[in-house]
Amino acid sequence: GFAVVADEVRALAARTQASTQEIQGMIQRLQASTSNASESIKRSLVKGDVSVQMVCATSDALGAIDQQVSTINQRGLQIATAAEEQTQVVESINRSMHVIADATESAGQFAARSHQSGDELATVGAELQQLIGQFKT
C-alpha cells in the first residue's frame, strides 16, 4: 500500500515538475514576445516622432512656398501695372510725335509759301526797278 502511494506521489511530482518546466518555458516565451512587442512599440514611437517632424518640416516648406508664390503674384501685378503705364507713356509720346509732325509739315508749308512770296517779291522788285529805270531815261 505504501509503495503504491509513494509511486503515485513520485509520478505526480514528475508531472508537476514537467508542468512547471512547461509553464516556465511559456512564461519565458511570453516575456520574450512582450519584450519584442515593447521594442517594436518603441521603434514605432520613434518613427512616429520622425514622421511628425517631417510633417512639420513639410508644412513649413509649403508655407514658405505659399509666401513665395504670393510674392511672385504681387511682382507680376507690379510688372503688369508698369507695362500698362509704359504703354500709356508710349501712346502719349506717339500722339506728341504726330503733333510735332503736323507742326513740322505746317512749318514746311509756311516756309515754302514764304519762299514763294520771297520769289514773287523779288520779281515785283525787279519789275519796279525796271519801271523806275524807264522813268529815268
N, C-alpha and C. Protein backbone atom coordinates (compact mmCIF):
# COMPACT_ATOMS: atom_id res chain seq x y z
N GLY A 1 0.76 -1.18 0.00
CA GLY A 1 0.00 0.00 0.00
C GLY A 1 0.82 1.27 0.00
N PHE A 2 1.88 1.26 0.91
CA PHE A 2 2.65 2.48 1.00
C PHE A 2 3.47 2.69 -0.25
N ALA A 3 3.97 1.62 -0.85
CA ALA A 3 4.80 1.71 -2.04
C ALA A 3 3.99 2.22 -3.22
N VAL A 4 2.74 1.83 -3.31
CA VAL A 4 1.88 2.27 -4.40
C VAL A 4 1.63 3.77 -4.26
N VAL A 5 1.38 4.20 -3.04
CA VAL A 5 1.13 5.63 -2.81
C VAL A 5 2.41 6.41 -3.10
N ALA A 6 3.54 5.86 -2.71
CA ALA A 6 4.82 6.53 -2.96
C ALA A 6 5.06 6.63 -4.46
N ASP A 7 4.75 5.58 -5.22
CA ASP A 7 4.91 5.62 -6.69
C ASP A 7 3.99 6.68 -7.29
N GLU A 8 2.79 6.75 -6.79
CA GLU A 8 1.83 7.74 -7.29
C GLU A 8 2.31 9.16 -6.97
N VAL A 9 2.87 9.34 -5.77
CA VAL A 9 3.38 10.67 -5.38
C VAL A 9 4.56 11.03 -6.27
N ARG A 10 5.46 10.05 -6.56
CA ARG A 10 6.60 10.30 -7.45
C ARG A 10 6.11 10.66 -8.85
N ALA A 11 5.14 9.93 -9.34
CA ALA A 11 4.61 10.20 -10.68
C ALA A 11 3.97 11.58 -10.71
N LEU A 12 3.23 11.89 -9.65
CA LEU A 12 2.59 13.20 -9.57
C LEU A 12 3.66 14.30 -9.49
N ALA A 13 4.71 14.05 -8.72
CA ALA A 13 5.80 15.03 -8.59
C ALA A 13 6.49 15.22 -9.95
N ALA A 14 6.69 14.12 -10.69
CA ALA A 14 7.33 14.21 -12.01
C ALA A 14 6.45 15.01 -12.96
N ARG A 15 5.15 14.74 -12.95
CA ARG A 15 4.23 15.50 -13.83
C ARG A 15 4.19 16.97 -13.41
N THR A 16 4.23 17.22 -12.09
CA THR A 16 4.23 18.60 -11.60
C THR A 16 5.49 19.32 -12.06
N GLN A 17 6.63 18.62 -11.98
CA GLN A 17 7.90 19.21 -12.43
C GLN A 17 7.85 19.48 -13.93
N ALA A 18 7.34 18.55 -14.71
CA ALA A 18 7.24 18.73 -16.16
C ALA A 18 6.30 19.89 -16.48
N SER A 19 5.20 19.96 -15.77
CA SER A 19 4.24 21.06 -15.99
C SER A 19 4.87 22.39 -15.61
N THR A 20 5.64 22.38 -14.50
CA THR A 20 6.30 23.61 -14.06
C THR A 20 7.31 24.07 -15.11
N GLN A 21 8.08 23.11 -15.67
CA GLN A 21 9.05 23.46 -16.72
C GLN A 21 8.34 23.98 -17.97
N GLU A 22 7.24 23.34 -18.29
CA GLU A 22 6.46 23.79 -19.46
C GLU A 22 5.91 25.20 -19.23
N ILE A 23 5.42 25.46 -18.01
CA ILE A 23 4.90 26.79 -17.67
C ILE A 23 6.03 27.81 -17.71
N GLN A 24 7.23 27.42 -17.18
CA GLN A 24 8.38 28.32 -17.23
C GLN A 24 8.74 28.66 -18.68
N GLY A 25 8.73 27.66 -19.54
CA GLY A 25 9.01 27.89 -20.97
C GLY A 25 8.00 28.84 -21.58
N MET A 26 6.72 28.64 -21.22
CA MET A 26 5.67 29.52 -21.74
C MET A 26 5.87 30.95 -21.24
N ILE A 27 6.24 31.06 -19.94
CA ILE A 27 6.47 32.39 -19.37
C ILE A 27 7.66 33.06 -20.06
N GLN A 28 8.73 32.29 -20.32
CA GLN A 28 9.91 32.85 -20.99
C GLN A 28 9.55 33.31 -22.41
N ARG A 29 8.78 32.49 -23.14
CA ARG A 29 8.36 32.87 -24.49
C ARG A 29 7.47 34.11 -24.44
N LEU A 30 6.57 34.14 -23.45
CA LEU A 30 5.69 35.29 -23.28
C LEU A 30 6.49 36.55 -22.95
N GLN A 31 7.50 36.41 -22.07
CA GLN A 31 8.36 37.54 -21.73
C GLN A 31 9.13 38.02 -22.97
N ALA A 32 9.64 37.07 -23.77
CA ALA A 32 10.38 37.42 -24.98
C ALA A 32 9.45 38.13 -25.96
N SER A 33 8.23 37.61 -26.11
CA SER A 33 7.26 38.25 -27.01
C SER A 33 6.90 39.64 -26.51
N THR A 34 6.73 39.76 -25.19
CA THR A 34 6.41 41.06 -24.60
C THR A 34 7.55 42.04 -24.82
N SER A 35 8.78 41.55 -24.64
CA SER A 35 9.96 42.39 -24.86
C SER A 35 10.04 42.82 -26.32
N ASN A 36 9.79 41.88 -27.24
CA ASN A 36 9.79 42.21 -28.67
C ASN A 36 8.71 43.23 -28.99
N ALA A 37 7.52 43.02 -28.41
CA ALA A 37 6.42 43.96 -28.65
C ALA A 37 6.77 45.34 -28.10
N SER A 38 7.40 45.36 -26.92
CA SER A 38 7.80 46.64 -26.32
C SER A 38 8.82 47.35 -27.20
N GLU A 39 9.80 46.62 -27.70
CA GLU A 39 10.81 47.21 -28.59
C GLU A 39 10.16 47.70 -29.89
N SER A 40 9.23 46.91 -30.40
CA SER A 40 8.52 47.31 -31.62
C SER A 40 7.73 48.59 -31.39
N ILE A 41 7.09 48.69 -30.24
CA ILE A 41 6.32 49.90 -29.91
C ILE A 41 7.26 51.10 -29.79
N LYS A 42 8.43 50.88 -29.13
CA LYS A 42 9.40 51.97 -29.01
C LYS A 42 9.87 52.44 -30.39
N ARG A 43 10.18 51.48 -31.28
CA ARG A 43 10.60 51.85 -32.64
C ARG A 43 9.49 52.60 -33.37
N SER A 44 8.24 52.14 -33.17
CA SER A 44 7.10 52.81 -33.80
C SER A 44 6.95 54.23 -33.28
N LEU A 45 7.16 54.42 -31.97
CA LEU A 45 7.09 55.76 -31.40
C LEU A 45 8.17 56.67 -31.99
N VAL A 46 9.39 56.13 -32.12
CA VAL A 46 10.48 56.92 -32.71
C VAL A 46 10.12 57.27 -34.15
N LYS A 47 9.63 56.29 -34.90
CA LYS A 47 9.23 56.56 -36.29
C LYS A 47 8.09 57.56 -36.33
N GLY A 48 7.17 57.46 -35.37
CA GLY A 48 6.07 58.42 -35.30
C GLY A 48 6.59 59.83 -35.05
N ASP A 49 7.56 59.95 -34.14
CA ASP A 49 8.16 61.26 -33.87
C ASP A 49 8.85 61.81 -35.11
N VAL A 50 9.59 60.93 -35.80
CA VAL A 50 10.26 61.35 -37.04
C VAL A 50 9.22 61.79 -38.07
N SER A 51 8.13 61.04 -38.16
CA SER A 51 7.07 61.39 -39.12
C SER A 51 6.46 62.74 -38.77
N VAL A 52 6.24 63.00 -37.48
CA VAL A 52 5.68 64.29 -37.06
C VAL A 52 6.65 65.41 -37.42
N GLN A 53 7.94 65.19 -37.19
CA GLN A 53 8.94 66.20 -37.54
C GLN A 53 8.95 66.46 -39.05
N MET A 54 8.84 65.38 -39.83
CA MET A 54 8.83 65.53 -41.29
C MET A 54 7.58 66.28 -41.74
N VAL A 55 6.45 65.98 -41.12
CA VAL A 55 5.21 66.69 -41.47
C VAL A 55 5.34 68.17 -41.13
N CYS A 56 5.93 68.46 -39.97
CA CYS A 56 6.13 69.87 -39.58
C CYS A 56 7.05 70.57 -40.57
N ALA A 57 8.14 69.89 -40.94
CA ALA A 57 9.08 70.48 -41.91
C ALA A 57 8.40 70.69 -43.25
N THR A 58 7.59 69.72 -43.67
CA THR A 58 6.86 69.85 -44.93
C THR A 58 5.88 71.01 -44.86
N SER A 59 5.20 71.13 -43.73
CA SER A 59 4.26 72.23 -43.56
C SER A 59 4.98 73.57 -43.63
N ASP A 60 6.13 73.66 -42.97
CA ASP A 60 6.92 74.90 -43.03
C ASP A 60 7.35 75.21 -44.46
N ALA A 61 7.80 74.16 -45.17
CA ALA A 61 8.24 74.36 -46.56
C ALA A 61 7.07 74.82 -47.43
N LEU A 62 5.91 74.21 -47.23
CA LEU A 62 4.74 74.62 -48.02
C LEU A 62 4.33 76.05 -47.69
N GLY A 63 4.46 76.43 -46.42
CA GLY A 63 4.18 77.82 -46.04
C GLY A 63 5.13 78.78 -46.73
N ALA A 64 6.42 78.41 -46.78
CA ALA A 64 7.40 79.26 -47.46
C ALA A 64 7.10 79.35 -48.95
N ILE A 65 6.73 78.22 -49.54
CA ILE A 65 6.38 78.21 -50.97
C ILE A 65 5.17 79.10 -51.21
N ASP A 66 4.18 79.02 -50.33
CA ASP A 66 2.98 79.85 -50.46
C ASP A 66 3.35 81.33 -50.41
N GLN A 67 4.24 81.69 -49.50
CA GLN A 67 4.67 83.09 -49.40
C GLN A 67 5.40 83.52 -50.67
N GLN A 68 6.25 82.64 -51.21
CA GLN A 68 6.99 82.97 -52.43
C GLN A 68 6.04 83.11 -53.61
N VAL A 69 5.06 82.25 -53.70
CA VAL A 69 4.07 82.36 -54.79
C VAL A 69 3.31 83.67 -54.66
N SER A 70 2.96 84.04 -53.44
CA SER A 70 2.27 85.31 -53.21
C SER A 70 3.15 86.48 -53.63
N THR A 71 4.43 86.42 -53.28
CA THR A 71 5.37 87.47 -53.68
C THR A 71 5.49 87.54 -55.20
N ILE A 72 5.56 86.38 -55.85
CA ILE A 72 5.65 86.33 -57.32
C ILE A 72 4.39 86.94 -57.93
N ASN A 73 3.23 86.62 -57.37
CA ASN A 73 1.98 87.20 -57.88
C ASN A 73 1.98 88.71 -57.75
N GLN A 74 2.43 89.20 -56.59
CA GLN A 74 2.48 90.65 -56.38
C GLN A 74 3.43 91.31 -57.38
N ARG A 75 4.58 90.68 -57.60
CA ARG A 75 5.54 91.24 -58.56
C ARG A 75 4.97 91.20 -59.98
N GLY A 76 4.24 90.14 -60.28
CA GLY A 76 3.59 90.05 -61.59
C GLY A 76 2.60 91.18 -61.79
N LEU A 77 1.83 91.48 -60.74
CA LEU A 77 0.88 92.60 -60.81
C LEU A 77 1.62 93.92 -60.97
N GLN A 78 2.74 94.08 -60.26
CA GLN A 78 3.53 95.30 -60.39
C GLN A 78 4.07 95.44 -61.81
N ILE A 79 4.54 94.34 -62.38
CA ILE A 79 5.06 94.36 -63.75
C ILE A 79 3.94 94.71 -64.72
N ALA A 80 2.77 94.11 -64.52
CA ALA A 80 1.64 94.40 -65.41
C ALA A 80 1.25 95.87 -65.32
N THR A 81 1.25 96.41 -64.09
CA THR A 81 0.91 97.83 -63.90
C THR A 81 1.96 98.71 -64.58
N ALA A 82 3.24 98.37 -64.39
CA ALA A 82 4.31 99.15 -65.01
C ALA A 82 4.22 99.07 -66.54
N ALA A 83 3.90 97.90 -67.06
CA ALA A 83 3.76 97.74 -68.51
C ALA A 83 2.60 98.60 -69.03
N GLU A 84 1.50 98.63 -68.29
CA GLU A 84 0.35 99.46 -68.69
C GLU A 84 0.74 100.93 -68.67
N GLU A 85 1.47 101.34 -67.62
CA GLU A 85 1.91 102.74 -67.55
C GLU A 85 2.85 103.07 -68.71
N GLN A 86 3.75 102.15 -69.04
CA GLN A 86 4.67 102.37 -70.15
C GLN A 86 3.90 102.46 -71.47
N THR A 87 2.87 101.63 -71.62
CA THR A 87 2.05 101.69 -72.83
C THR A 87 1.40 103.06 -72.95
N GLN A 88 0.89 103.58 -71.82
CA GLN A 88 0.27 104.90 -71.84
C GLN A 88 1.29 105.98 -72.19
N VAL A 89 2.51 105.86 -71.65
CA VAL A 89 3.56 106.84 -71.95
C VAL A 89 3.92 106.78 -73.43
N VAL A 90 4.05 105.56 -73.97
CA VAL A 90 4.39 105.41 -75.39
C VAL A 90 3.28 106.00 -76.26
N GLU A 91 2.02 105.75 -75.88
CA GLU A 91 0.91 106.32 -76.64
C GLU A 91 0.94 107.85 -76.57
N SER A 92 1.27 108.40 -75.41
CA SER A 92 1.38 109.85 -75.26
C SER A 92 2.51 110.40 -76.13
N ILE A 93 3.64 109.70 -76.13
CA ILE A 93 4.77 110.11 -76.98
C ILE A 93 4.37 110.04 -78.44
N ASN A 94 3.66 108.99 -78.81
CA ASN A 94 3.21 108.82 -80.20
C ASN A 94 2.30 109.99 -80.60
N ARG A 95 1.37 110.36 -79.70
CA ARG A 95 0.49 111.50 -80.00
C ARG A 95 1.32 112.78 -80.14
N SER A 96 2.28 112.95 -79.25
CA SER A 96 3.15 114.14 -79.33
C SER A 96 3.94 114.15 -80.62
N MET A 97 4.41 112.99 -81.04
CA MET A 97 5.16 112.90 -82.31
C MET A 97 4.26 113.30 -83.48
N HIS A 98 3.00 112.89 -83.45
CA HIS A 98 2.07 113.28 -84.52
C HIS A 98 1.86 114.79 -84.51
N VAL A 99 1.73 115.36 -83.31
CA VAL A 99 1.56 116.82 -83.20
C VAL A 99 2.80 117.51 -83.77
N ILE A 100 3.99 117.00 -83.40
CA ILE A 100 5.23 117.59 -83.91
C ILE A 100 5.32 117.42 -85.42
N ALA A 101 4.92 116.24 -85.92
CA ALA A 101 4.96 116.00 -87.37
C ALA A 101 4.02 116.96 -88.09
N ASP A 102 2.82 117.14 -87.53
CA ASP A 102 1.87 118.09 -88.13
C ASP A 102 2.44 119.50 -88.11
N ALA A 103 3.04 119.89 -86.97
CA ALA A 103 3.62 121.23 -86.86
C ALA A 103 4.77 121.39 -87.84
N THR A 104 5.58 120.35 -87.98
CA THR A 104 6.71 120.40 -88.92
C THR A 104 6.20 120.53 -90.35
N GLU A 105 5.14 119.77 -90.67
CA GLU A 105 4.57 119.88 -92.01
C GLU A 105 4.02 121.28 -92.25
N SER A 106 3.33 121.82 -91.24
CA SER A 106 2.80 123.19 -91.37
C SER A 106 3.94 124.18 -91.54
N ALA A 107 4.99 124.01 -90.76
CA ALA A 107 6.15 124.92 -90.87
C ALA A 107 6.79 124.79 -92.24
N GLY A 108 6.84 123.56 -92.76
CA GLY A 108 7.40 123.36 -94.10
C GLY A 108 6.56 124.05 -95.16
N GLN A 109 5.24 123.91 -95.02
CA GLN A 109 4.35 124.58 -95.97
C GLN A 109 4.48 126.09 -95.85
N PHE A 110 4.59 126.58 -94.60
CA PHE A 110 4.76 128.02 -94.40
C PHE A 110 6.08 128.48 -95.01
N ALA A 111 7.13 127.68 -94.84
CA ALA A 111 8.43 128.04 -95.41
C ALA A 111 8.35 128.05 -96.92
N ALA A 112 7.64 127.07 -97.50
CA ALA A 112 7.51 127.03 -98.96
C ALA A 112 6.74 128.26 -99.44
N ARG A 113 5.65 128.61 -98.74
CA ARG A 113 4.89 129.81 -99.12
C ARG A 113 5.73 131.07 -98.95
N SER A 114 6.52 131.09 -97.85
CA SER A 114 7.39 132.26 -97.63
C SER A 114 8.43 132.36 -98.74
N HIS A 115 8.97 131.24 -99.14
CA HIS A 115 9.96 131.24 -100.23
C HIS A 115 9.31 131.71 -101.53
N GLN A 116 8.10 131.19 -101.76
CA GLN A 116 7.37 131.60 -102.97
C GLN A 116 7.06 133.10 -102.90
N SER A 117 6.62 133.56 -101.72
CA SER A 117 6.35 135.00 -101.57
C SER A 117 7.62 135.80 -101.77
N GLY A 118 8.73 135.30 -101.27
CA GLY A 118 10.01 135.98 -101.46
C GLY A 118 10.38 136.06 -102.92
N ASP A 119 10.15 134.96 -103.64
CA ASP A 119 10.43 134.96 -105.08
C ASP A 119 9.53 135.97 -105.79
N GLU A 120 8.25 135.98 -105.38
CA GLU A 120 7.31 136.92 -106.00
C GLU A 120 7.72 138.36 -105.69
N LEU A 121 8.14 138.62 -104.45
CA LEU A 121 8.61 139.96 -104.08
C LEU A 121 9.85 140.34 -104.88
N ALA A 122 10.73 139.38 -105.08
CA ALA A 122 11.93 139.66 -105.86
C ALA A 122 11.55 140.00 -107.30
N THR A 123 10.58 139.25 -107.82
CA THR A 123 10.13 139.53 -109.18
C THR A 123 9.50 140.92 -109.25
N VAL A 124 8.63 141.23 -108.27
CA VAL A 124 7.99 142.54 -108.23
C VAL A 124 9.05 143.62 -108.08
N GLY A 125 10.03 143.38 -107.22
CA GLY A 125 11.12 144.35 -107.03
C GLY A 125 11.89 144.58 -108.31
N ALA A 126 12.14 143.50 -109.04
CA ALA A 126 12.87 143.64 -110.31
C ALA A 126 12.04 144.42 -111.30
N GLU A 127 10.73 144.14 -111.31
CA GLU A 127 9.85 144.86 -112.24
C GLU A 127 9.80 146.34 -111.87
N LEU A 128 9.74 146.60 -110.54
CA LEU A 128 9.72 148.00 -110.10
C LEU A 128 11.02 148.71 -110.50
N GLN A 129 12.11 148.08 -110.36
CA GLN A 129 13.38 148.70 -110.75
C GLN A 129 13.42 148.95 -112.25
N GLN A 130 12.86 148.01 -112.96
CA GLN A 130 12.82 148.20 -114.41
C GLN A 130 11.94 149.39 -114.76
N LEU A 131 10.79 149.50 -114.08
CA LEU A 131 9.90 150.64 -114.32
C LEU A 131 10.58 151.94 -113.91
N ILE A 132 11.25 151.91 -112.76
CA ILE A 132 11.97 153.11 -112.30
C ILE A 132 13.05 153.47 -113.31
N GLY A 133 13.67 152.44 -113.82
CA GLY A 133 14.72 152.67 -114.82
C GLY A 133 14.15 153.29 -116.08
N GLN A 134 12.92 152.99 -116.42
CA GLN A 134 12.30 153.56 -117.61
C GLN A 134 11.99 155.03 -117.38
N PHE A 135 11.63 155.37 -116.15
CA PHE A 135 11.35 156.78 -115.86
C PHE A 135 12.61 157.61 -115.92
N LYS A 136 13.72 157.08 -115.64
CA LYS A 136 14.97 157.80 -115.60
C LYS A 136 15.45 158.08 -117.02
N THR A 137 15.09 157.33 -117.91
CA THR A 137 15.57 157.53 -119.26
C THR A 137 14.76 158.37 -120.11
